[in-house]
Amino acid sequence: MTVDQLAAFVLGQQKVSAEAYYWWCTGLMIIIHVGFLMYEVGATRMKNAVSSGVKNLLAFAFMIPTFWLFGWWIYWAFPGGFVPIFDAGLDIPGYGLPWNEFSGPFIGDHETGVFWAAFTLFACTTASIFSGAVIERIRISAFVFLATILGSVVWILGASWGWHAGGWLVTNWGFHDVAAAGCVHTIAGLFAFGVLLNLGPRIGKYNDDGTANELAGHSLVLSFVGLLTLIVGFFGFLGGCLIWPGVMVYDTASMVGVEGWTNIYGAPMTLSSFVFNTLMGLAGGMIGAFWYSKGNPFWMMSGGLAGIFICAGGLDIWYPGFAFILGIVAGIVIIPANNWLHNTFKIDDCVGAVSIHGVCGILGMLAVGLFASGYPAAGDIPASNLMGQIVGIITMALVGFVPGYVISYIMKMAGWLRVPDHIQKAGIDKAELGLQAYSD
């Protein structure tokens, strides 16, 4: 076997292994949706538990075909801004279009299908982040429509700009957001905020004097299990943020293959950095939130998620001890941030999604600019810097908030956003679905 033949053989094996790797990442990411479903159903009052679960399942189902039809193409076609490159993507004309030969059972390609699947599950996750904020008063059909817009259009446009080695935020500004603090968490959190402003609070949330009432869910235990299940699933999500087999360079003189993981931008990194910093951020967030909330278990578990998200922008960079400190900051910040949003805007964010995802996603991007400025990137991409991160923060916030607010405002004016008050009082399960979550 010649050196070139050996290199071709090893590269082929790498592609097969990569296919298996992303297959299992996708499988783990589905567990995220099991977690979101339990988390949100537990946070819902018993009279709305079935409808809360149904809208989660429908969003998941609608996201898959719509991401195949146009979401995957958006990622490859819009890295330069709002003007699409119709034949863009991996030097293959039309890559990402559903009728391209790579968007099917192409026997010679071991990567496209599993990459598409991983990105599709990122889209489903982004929509599910929005889901918990609007439970108990949004129409199921309105939610599915908004979730599809967020998951198959909005977040992937932000990803094309800032989570793509050729995206304009990356190539022009050195934007660094390795585990999608911006294009997933900030965009989803700010999209939810825009919708909440138009959707309004649940009946009974606020009194005439503006004071708020606690509308507790029916099963805190179910929410606990859901939150912990989410964390299991996020290891699949984070694993899908890596590129494997990464850099492959063959030294034809010594016949040695050098391989390695890279981040989404093509820069070298390790799985160890992800696992160290994910777990340290998780622990810090739980401790910070437990301390600040004086032992509230719901905020403790939510703080664990927030600790992961604040580390996400530089998950490949942080020293584990620093990730722990960032996690503590996130666990503390989410509670006053959530209270301020409610008191100032009179929204009703049932699970604190705007604070946990939106605010911590922003802080995660900012942390890279403040504490990792100058970190080298791949190829001609500028090094990470504070100004680039600030531009990225503003962009991701606007990409999330503007369509969330504008589209939901139009739906509100058309009477297609909110469940009527009398149905809310009776309970959506019985009034609209003729069902109840639990037998007598």
Protein backbone atom coordinates (compact mmCIF):
# COMPACT_ATOMS: atom_id res chain seq x y z
CA MET A 1 0.00 0.00 0.00
CA THR A 2 1.39 3.39 -0.99
CA VAL A 3 1.50 6.36 1.35
CA ASP A 4 -1.32 8.05 -0.58
CA GLN A 5 -3.42 4.88 -0.40
CA LEU A 6 -2.77 4.63 3.33
CA ALA A 7 -3.73 8.26 3.81
CA ALA A 8 -6.97 7.74 1.83
CA PHE A 9 -7.80 4.64 3.86
CA VAL A 10 -7.22 6.37 7.21
CA LEU A 11 -9.24 9.40 6.10
CA GLY A 12 -12.09 7.10 5.10
CA GLN A 13 -12.04 5.47 8.52
CA GLN A 14 -12.07 8.91 10.13
CA LYS A 15 -15.21 9.82 8.20
CA VAL A 16 -16.96 6.62 9.29
CA SER A 17 -15.96 7.28 12.91
CA ALA A 18 -17.16 10.88 12.66
CA GLU A 19 -20.50 9.61 11.38
CA ALA A 20 -20.87 7.39 14.44
CA TYR A 21 -19.79 10.19 16.78
CA TYR A 22 -22.42 12.67 15.58
CA TRP A 23 -25.04 9.92 15.48
CA TRP A 24 -24.67 9.49 19.24
CA CYS A 25 -24.44 13.22 19.89
CA THR A 26 -27.82 13.54 18.19
CA GLY A 27 -29.26 10.71 20.27
CA LEU A 28 -28.13 12.40 23.48
CA MET A 29 -29.59 15.71 22.32
CA ILE A 30 -33.03 14.12 22.08
CA ILE A 31 -32.74 13.60 25.85
CA ILE A 32 -32.73 17.40 26.14
CA HIS A 33 -36.34 17.36 24.95
CA VAL A 34 -37.31 14.69 27.44
CA GLY A 35 -35.87 17.01 30.07
CA PHE A 36 -37.61 20.12 28.74
CA LEU A 37 -40.92 18.28 28.61
CA MET A 38 -40.68 17.09 32.24
CA TYR A 39 -39.32 20.44 33.40
CA GLU A 40 -42.14 22.43 31.82
CA VAL A 41 -44.95 20.01 32.62
CA GLY A 42 -43.84 20.07 36.27
CA ALA A 43 -43.79 23.88 36.22
CA THR A 44 -47.34 23.92 34.80
CA ARG A 45 -50.48 23.79 36.91
CA MET A 46 -52.28 20.46 36.66
CA LYS A 47 -55.10 21.85 34.51
CA ASN A 48 -52.62 22.70 31.72
CA ALA A 49 -50.14 19.83 31.99
CA VAL A 50 -51.24 17.92 28.86
CA SER A 51 -51.25 20.99 26.59
CA SER A 52 -47.77 21.91 27.81
CA GLY A 53 -46.47 18.48 26.84
CA VAL A 54 -48.30 18.48 23.49
CA LYS A 55 -46.79 21.76 22.34
CA ASN A 56 -43.30 20.49 23.16
CA LEU A 57 -43.81 17.37 21.10
CA LEU A 58 -45.35 19.23 18.17
CA ALA A 59 -42.51 21.76 18.06
CA PHE A 60 -40.03 18.89 17.89
CA ALA A 61 -41.97 17.26 15.06
CA PHE A 62 -42.34 20.45 12.98
CA MET A 63 -38.71 21.47 13.41
CA ILE A 64 -37.31 18.40 11.66
CA PRO A 65 -38.92 18.78 8.19
CA THR A 66 -38.65 22.59 8.17
CA PHE A 67 -34.96 22.47 9.05
CA TRP A 68 -34.48 19.99 6.22
CA LEU A 69 -36.40 22.19 3.80
CA PHE A 70 -34.68 25.52 4.50
CA GLY A 71 -32.93 25.75 7.89
CA TRP A 72 -29.84 23.77 6.89
CA TRP A 73 -29.46 25.83 3.70
CA ILE A 74 -29.67 29.12 5.64
CA TYR A 75 -26.55 28.20 7.61
CA TRP A 76 -24.47 27.77 4.45
CA ALA A 77 -26.04 30.55 2.39
CA PHE A 78 -25.92 33.60 4.72
CA PRO A 79 -22.44 33.89 6.31
CA GLY A 80 -21.91 37.31 4.73
CA GLY A 81 -25.12 38.96 5.94
CA PHE A 82 -28.67 39.14 4.59
CA VAL A 83 -27.81 38.45 0.94
CA PRO A 84 -27.72 34.69 0.31
CA ILE A 85 -25.08 32.80 -1.63
CA PHE A 86 -27.39 30.35 -3.33
CA ASP A 87 -24.77 27.78 -4.28
CA ALA A 88 -22.69 28.09 -1.10
CA GLY A 89 -21.48 25.36 1.22
CA LEU A 90 -18.40 23.17 1.47
CA ASP A 91 -17.36 24.01 -2.10
CA ILE A 92 -20.33 21.96 -3.32
CA PRO A 93 -22.89 23.92 -5.39
CA GLY A 94 -26.27 23.90 -3.68
CA TYR A 95 -25.04 22.13 -0.56
CA GLY A 96 -27.73 22.29 2.10
CA LEU A 97 -30.65 22.38 -0.32
CA PRO A 98 -33.04 19.46 0.25
CA TRP A 99 -32.79 18.27 -3.35
CA ASN A 100 -28.97 18.19 -3.34
CA GLU A 101 -27.51 14.70 -3.66
CA PHE A 102 -25.87 15.08 -0.24
CA SER A 103 -29.26 15.63 1.43
CA GLY A 104 -30.21 11.99 1.02
CA PRO A 105 -28.82 8.47 1.27
CA PHE A 106 -25.62 9.27 -0.61
CA ILE A 107 -23.50 6.20 0.06
CA GLY A 108 -20.15 7.94 -0.40
CA ASP A 109 -20.82 10.70 2.13
CA HIS A 110 -20.47 9.80 5.80
CA GLU A 111 -20.98 13.27 7.22
CA THR A 112 -23.82 15.36 5.79
CA GLY A 113 -26.73 13.45 7.29
CA VAL A 114 -25.35 13.34 10.81
CA PHE A 115 -24.20 16.98 10.67
CA TRP A 116 -27.69 17.95 9.52
CA ALA A 117 -29.22 15.89 12.33
CA ALA A 118 -27.00 17.54 14.95
CA PHE A 119 -27.87 21.02 13.68
CA THR A 120 -31.56 20.07 13.58
CA LEU A 121 -31.41 19.10 17.25
CA PHE A 122 -29.71 22.44 18.00
CA ALA A 123 -32.75 24.03 16.32
CA CYS A 124 -35.15 21.94 18.41
CA THR A 125 -33.27 22.91 21.58
CA THR A 126 -33.46 26.61 20.72
CA ALA A 127 -37.22 26.34 20.27
CA SER A 128 -37.62 24.42 23.53
CA ILE A 129 -35.79 27.17 25.44
CA PHE A 130 -38.53 29.55 24.31
CA SER A 131 -41.25 27.03 25.12
CA GLY A 132 -41.08 27.17 28.92
CA ALA A 133 -41.45 30.94 29.07
CA VAL A 134 -44.92 30.99 27.47
CA ILE A 135 -46.73 28.03 29.02
CA GLU A 136 -50.38 28.10 30.12
CA ARG A 137 -51.70 30.90 27.89
CA ILE A 138 -50.27 30.65 24.36
CA ARG A 139 -52.29 28.94 21.63
CA ILE A 140 -50.71 25.63 20.63
CA SER A 141 -50.82 26.50 16.91
CA ALA A 142 -49.30 29.94 17.59
CA PHE A 143 -46.52 28.40 19.64
CA VAL A 144 -45.67 25.84 16.96
CA PHE A 145 -45.50 28.59 14.32
CA LEU A 146 -43.25 30.81 16.46
CA ALA A 147 -41.08 27.87 17.47
CA THR A 148 -40.56 26.96 13.81
CA ILE A 149 -39.58 30.53 12.96
CA LEU A 150 -37.10 30.57 15.86
CA GLY A 151 -35.66 27.10 15.30
CA SER A 152 -35.57 26.83 11.51
CA VAL A 153 -34.88 30.47 10.57
CA VAL A 154 -33.81 32.87 13.31
CA TRP A 155 -31.20 30.99 15.34
CA ILE A 156 -29.57 29.44 12.29
CA LEU A 157 -29.20 32.89 10.69
CA GLY A 158 -27.32 34.00 13.82
CA ALA A 159 -25.27 30.81 13.65
CA SER A 160 -24.37 31.51 10.02
CA TRP A 161 -22.97 34.88 11.11
CA GLY A 162 -21.22 33.95 14.36
CA TRP A 163 -20.98 30.15 14.62
CA HIS A 164 -19.48 29.51 11.19
CA ALA A 165 -15.81 29.84 10.24
CA GLY A 166 -16.83 32.10 7.33
CA GLY A 167 -19.43 34.15 9.19
CA TRP A 168 -18.96 37.93 9.03
CA LEU A 169 -18.87 38.28 12.81
CA VAL A 170 -16.01 35.79 12.90
CA THR A 171 -13.96 36.89 9.92
CA ASN A 172 -14.42 40.65 10.44
CA TRP A 173 -14.56 40.92 14.22
CA GLY A 174 -12.94 37.78 15.68
CA PHE A 175 -16.19 36.80 17.43
CA HIS A 176 -15.73 33.69 19.59
CA ASP A 177 -18.74 31.71 20.82
CA VAL A 178 -17.62 28.12 20.74
CA ALA A 179 -20.62 26.45 22.43
CA ALA A 180 -23.36 28.79 21.19
CA ALA A 181 -23.96 31.08 24.17
CA GLY A 182 -25.09 33.69 21.65
CA CYS A 183 -26.68 31.98 18.68
CA VAL A 184 -28.66 29.52 20.81
CA HIS A 185 -29.13 30.86 24.33
CA THR A 186 -29.16 34.63 23.81
CA ILE A 187 -31.23 34.45 20.65
CA ALA A 188 -33.77 32.09 22.25
CA GLY A 189 -33.93 34.11 25.47
CA LEU A 190 -34.42 37.45 23.68
CA PHE A 191 -36.91 35.94 21.23
CA ALA A 192 -38.91 34.74 24.23
CA PHE A 193 -38.71 38.22 25.77
CA GLY A 194 -40.12 39.79 22.60
CA VAL A 195 -43.02 37.33 22.55
CA LEU A 196 -43.72 37.74 26.29
CA LEU A 197 -44.18 41.49 25.88
CA ASN A 198 -47.07 40.83 23.49
CA LEU A 199 -48.43 37.64 25.02
CA GLY A 200 -49.07 39.12 28.46
CA PRO A 201 -49.12 37.33 31.82
CA ARG A 202 -51.30 34.44 32.90
CA ILE A 203 -54.65 35.26 34.47
CA GLY A 204 -54.01 35.87 38.16
CA LYS A 205 -50.29 36.55 37.89
CA TYR A 206 -50.56 40.26 38.74
CA ASN A 207 -52.90 42.10 41.07
CA ASP A 208 -54.47 45.48 40.33
CA ASP A 209 -51.74 47.23 42.31
CA GLY A 210 -49.01 45.59 40.20
CA THR A 211 -47.86 43.10 42.80
CA ALA A 212 -47.20 39.58 41.56
CA ASN A 213 -48.61 36.25 42.73
CA GLU A 214 -46.75 32.95 42.66
CA LEU A 215 -48.48 30.51 40.27
CA ALA A 216 -46.64 27.38 41.28
CA GLY A 217 -46.44 24.32 39.07
CA HIS A 218 -48.02 21.07 40.15
CA SER A 219 -44.87 18.92 40.46
CA LEU A 220 -41.57 20.31 41.66
CA VAL A 221 -40.14 16.78 41.66
CA LEU A 222 -40.93 16.37 37.96
CA SER A 223 -39.20 19.69 37.24
CA PHE A 224 -36.13 18.52 39.22
CA VAL A 225 -35.84 15.33 37.18
CA GLY A 226 -36.38 17.31 33.98
CA LEU A 227 -33.64 19.79 34.82
CA LEU A 228 -31.14 17.05 35.60
CA THR A 229 -32.14 15.20 32.41
CA LEU A 230 -31.49 18.43 30.50
CA ILE A 231 -27.93 18.45 31.79
CA VAL A 232 -27.40 14.88 30.56
CA GLY A 233 -28.69 15.88 27.13
CA PHE A 234 -26.49 18.95 27.01
CA PHE A 235 -23.42 16.74 26.91
CA GLY A 236 -24.68 15.64 23.50
CA PHE A 237 -25.32 19.27 22.56
CA LEU A 238 -21.81 20.32 23.61
CA GLY A 239 -20.26 17.30 21.92
CA GLY A 240 -21.95 18.40 18.70
CA CYS A 241 -20.17 21.76 18.98
CA LEU A 242 -16.85 20.07 18.16
CA ILE A 243 -15.54 19.22 14.71
CA TRP A 244 -14.13 15.72 14.39
CA PRO A 245 -11.82 14.29 13.01
CA GLY A 246 -10.64 17.87 13.10
CA VAL A 247 -7.26 18.70 11.64
CA MET A 248 -5.78 15.90 9.53
CA VAL A 249 -2.25 16.37 8.26
CA TYR A 250 -0.20 13.57 6.71
CA ASP A 251 3.57 13.61 6.73
CA THR A 252 4.35 11.57 3.62
CA ALA A 253 7.98 11.19 4.64
CA SER A 254 7.31 9.56 8.01
CA MET A 255 3.84 8.19 7.11
CA VAL A 256 2.48 9.64 10.35
CA GLY A 257 -1.06 10.98 10.59
CA VAL A 258 -1.64 13.87 12.97
CA GLU A 259 -5.23 14.30 14.04
CA GLY A 260 -7.10 16.44 16.52
CA TRP A 261 -10.37 18.02 17.56
CA THR A 262 -11.21 21.53 16.47
CA ASN A 263 -13.87 23.99 17.54
CA ILE A 264 -16.56 25.21 15.14
CA TYR A 265 -14.07 27.77 13.76
CA GLY A 266 -11.37 25.21 12.96
CA ALA A 267 -9.02 26.04 15.86
CA PRO A 268 -7.49 23.15 17.87
CA MET A 269 -9.19 22.21 21.14
CA THR A 270 -9.85 19.20 23.37
CA LEU A 271 -12.75 17.27 24.81
CA SER A 272 -11.08 17.68 28.18
CA SER A 273 -11.60 21.45 28.11
CA PHE A 274 -15.31 20.92 27.49
CA VAL A 275 -15.84 18.36 30.23
CA PHE A 276 -13.77 20.21 32.85
CA ASN A 277 -15.48 23.53 32.26
CA THR A 278 -19.00 22.18 31.80
CA LEU A 279 -18.94 20.35 35.12
CA MET A 280 -17.24 23.20 36.96
CA GLY A 281 -19.70 25.76 35.60
CA LEU A 282 -22.60 23.47 36.50
CA ALA A 283 -21.40 23.07 40.09
CA GLY A 284 -20.68 26.78 40.49
CA GLY A 285 -24.11 27.72 39.19
CA MET A 286 -25.90 25.36 41.55
CA ILE A 287 -23.95 26.60 44.57
CA GLY A 288 -24.37 30.28 43.67
CA ALA A 289 -28.12 30.00 43.09
CA PHE A 290 -28.69 27.86 46.20
CA TRP A 291 -26.87 30.44 48.32
CA TYR A 292 -28.54 33.51 46.80
CA SER A 293 -32.05 32.03 46.85
CA LYS A 294 -31.60 30.87 50.46
CA GLY A 295 -32.09 27.24 49.54
CA ASN A 296 -34.74 27.38 46.80
CA PRO A 297 -34.29 24.04 44.99
CA PHE A 298 -35.85 25.19 41.72
CA TRP A 299 -33.36 28.03 41.40
CA MET A 300 -30.53 25.75 42.49
CA MET A 301 -31.10 23.44 39.52
CA SER A 302 -31.75 26.36 37.17
CA GLY A 303 -28.49 27.87 38.39
CA GLY A 304 -26.68 24.74 37.24
CA LEU A 305 -27.94 25.31 33.70
CA ALA A 306 -27.04 29.01 33.89
CA GLY A 307 -23.52 28.06 35.02
CA ILE A 308 -23.05 25.99 31.87
CA PHE A 309 -24.41 28.72 29.63
CA ILE A 310 -22.20 31.49 31.01
CA CYS A 311 -19.16 29.29 30.30
CA ALA A 312 -20.35 28.33 26.81
CA GLY A 313 -18.78 31.22 24.90
CA GLY A 314 -15.26 30.19 25.93
CA LEU A 315 -15.73 26.57 26.91
CA ASP A 316 -12.58 25.64 25.00
CA ILE A 317 -10.52 28.37 26.71
CA TRP A 318 -11.33 28.62 30.39
CA TYR A 319 -9.25 27.29 33.24
CA PRO A 320 -11.61 25.04 35.26
CA GLY A 321 -11.31 27.13 38.42
CA PHE A 322 -12.35 30.20 36.48
CA ALA A 323 -15.30 28.32 34.96
CA PHE A 324 -16.40 27.53 38.52
CA ILE A 325 -16.27 31.25 39.41
CA LEU A 326 -18.25 32.14 36.28
CA GLY A 327 -20.82 29.52 37.27
CA ILE A 328 -21.22 31.06 40.72
CA VAL A 329 -21.75 34.47 39.11
CA ALA A 330 -24.44 33.04 36.83
CA GLY A 331 -26.22 31.31 39.70
CA ILE A 332 -26.37 34.57 41.63
CA VAL A 333 -27.26 36.85 38.72
CA ILE A 334 -30.24 34.96 37.31
CA ILE A 335 -32.50 35.60 40.30
CA PRO A 336 -32.27 39.42 40.53
CA ALA A 337 -32.24 39.60 36.73
CA ASN A 338 -35.46 37.59 36.59
CA ASN A 339 -37.05 39.75 39.30
CA TRP A 340 -36.04 42.96 37.54
CA LEU A 341 -37.49 41.81 34.22
CA HIS A 342 -40.78 40.92 35.87
CA ASN A 343 -41.04 44.08 37.96
CA THR A 344 -40.03 46.41 35.12
CA PHE A 345 -41.87 44.91 32.15
CA LYS A 346 -44.64 42.94 33.92
CA ILE A 347 -43.87 39.87 31.88
CA ASP A 348 -44.67 36.35 33.05
CA ASP A 349 -41.65 34.17 32.29
CA CYS A 350 -42.79 30.95 33.91
CA VAL A 351 -39.37 29.27 34.08
CA GLY A 352 -36.99 32.25 34.00
CA ALA A 353 -35.85 31.50 30.45
CA VAL A 354 -35.02 35.12 29.57
CA SER A 355 -32.73 35.38 32.57
CA ILE A 356 -31.20 31.89 32.51
CA HIS A 357 -30.58 31.73 28.76
CA GLY A 358 -30.72 35.32 27.51
CA VAL A 359 -28.84 37.12 30.28
CA CYS A 360 -26.30 34.34 30.89
CA GLY A 361 -25.71 33.95 27.16
CA ILE A 362 -24.84 37.65 26.99
CA LEU A 363 -22.56 37.36 30.01
CA GLY A 364 -20.90 34.32 28.44
CA MET A 365 -20.03 36.24 25.27
CA LEU A 366 -18.88 39.24 27.29
CA ALA A 367 -16.64 37.09 29.48
CA VAL A 368 -14.65 36.01 26.41
CA GLY A 369 -14.00 39.64 25.50
CA LEU A 370 -13.01 40.59 29.05
CA PHE A 371 -10.93 37.59 30.07
CA ALA A 372 -9.78 35.87 26.83
CA SER A 373 -9.03 38.82 24.58
CA GLY A 374 -6.17 37.99 22.23
CA TYR A 375 -6.84 34.26 22.16
CA PRO A 376 -5.57 33.05 18.76
CA ALA A 377 -8.00 31.71 16.19
CA ALA A 378 -7.65 29.49 13.13
CA GLY A 379 -6.22 30.68 9.82
CA ASP A 380 -6.89 34.33 9.00
CA ILE A 381 -9.63 34.75 11.61
CA PRO A 382 -8.81 37.66 13.97
CA ALA A 383 -8.04 36.85 17.59
CA SER A 384 -10.83 37.19 20.13
CA ASN A 385 -11.31 40.74 21.40
CA LEU A 386 -13.69 42.82 23.49
CA MET A 387 -15.09 44.90 20.62
CA GLY A 388 -15.81 41.80 18.54
CA GLN A 389 -17.70 40.25 21.45
CA ILE A 390 -19.72 43.42 22.01
CA VAL A 391 -20.69 43.54 18.33
CA GLY A 392 -21.67 39.88 18.60
CA ILE A 393 -23.78 40.52 21.71
CA ILE A 394 -25.70 43.34 20.06
CA THR A 395 -26.21 41.30 16.90
CA MET A 396 -27.43 38.17 18.67
CA ALA A 397 -29.74 40.18 20.94
CA LEU A 398 -31.34 41.95 17.97
CA VAL A 399 -31.60 38.78 15.88
CA GLY A 400 -33.55 37.20 18.73
CA PHE A 401 -35.66 40.09 20.01
CA VAL A 402 -36.78 41.84 16.80
CA PRO A 403 -38.46 38.90 15.03
CA GLY A 404 -39.87 37.61 18.33
CA TYR A 405 -41.50 40.94 19.09
CA VAL A 406 -42.61 41.90 15.56
CA ILE A 407 -44.08 38.55 14.54
CA SER A 408 -45.87 38.02 17.85
CA TYR A 409 -47.24 41.57 17.70
CA ILE A 410 -48.79 40.84 14.29
CA MET A 411 -50.23 37.59 15.65
CA LYS A 412 -51.62 39.45 18.66
CA MET A 413 -53.35 41.99 16.41
CA ALA A 414 -54.80 39.12 14.38
CA GLY A 415 -56.13 37.42 17.54
CA TRP A 416 -53.88 34.40 17.01
CA LEU A 417 -51.52 34.40 19.97
CA ARG A 418 -53.24 34.06 23.33
CA VAL A 419 -55.76 31.60 24.68
CA PRO A 420 -59.00 33.41 25.70
CA ASP A 421 -59.25 34.22 29.39
CA HIS A 422 -62.24 31.97 30.08
CA ILE A 423 -60.32 28.97 28.67
CA GLN A 424 -57.31 29.85 30.79
CA LYS A 425 -59.49 29.84 33.88
CA ALA A 426 -61.06 26.50 33.01
CA GLY A 427 -57.76 24.97 31.97
CA ILE A 428 -56.54 24.41 28.43
CA ASP A 429 -56.49 20.61 28.80
CA LYS A 430 -60.19 20.22 29.45
CA ALA A 431 -61.52 23.22 27.49
CA GLU A 432 -59.56 22.68 24.26
CA LEU A 433 -58.33 19.09 24.34
CA GLY A 434 -61.02 17.37 26.41
CA LEU A 435 -58.29 15.67 28.46
CA GLN A 436 -56.80 15.72 31.91
CA ALA A 437 -53.27 14.82 32.95
CA TYR A 438 -54.21 12.63 35.89
CA SER A 439 -57.27 10.53 36.67
CA ASP A 440 -59.30 11.33 39.76
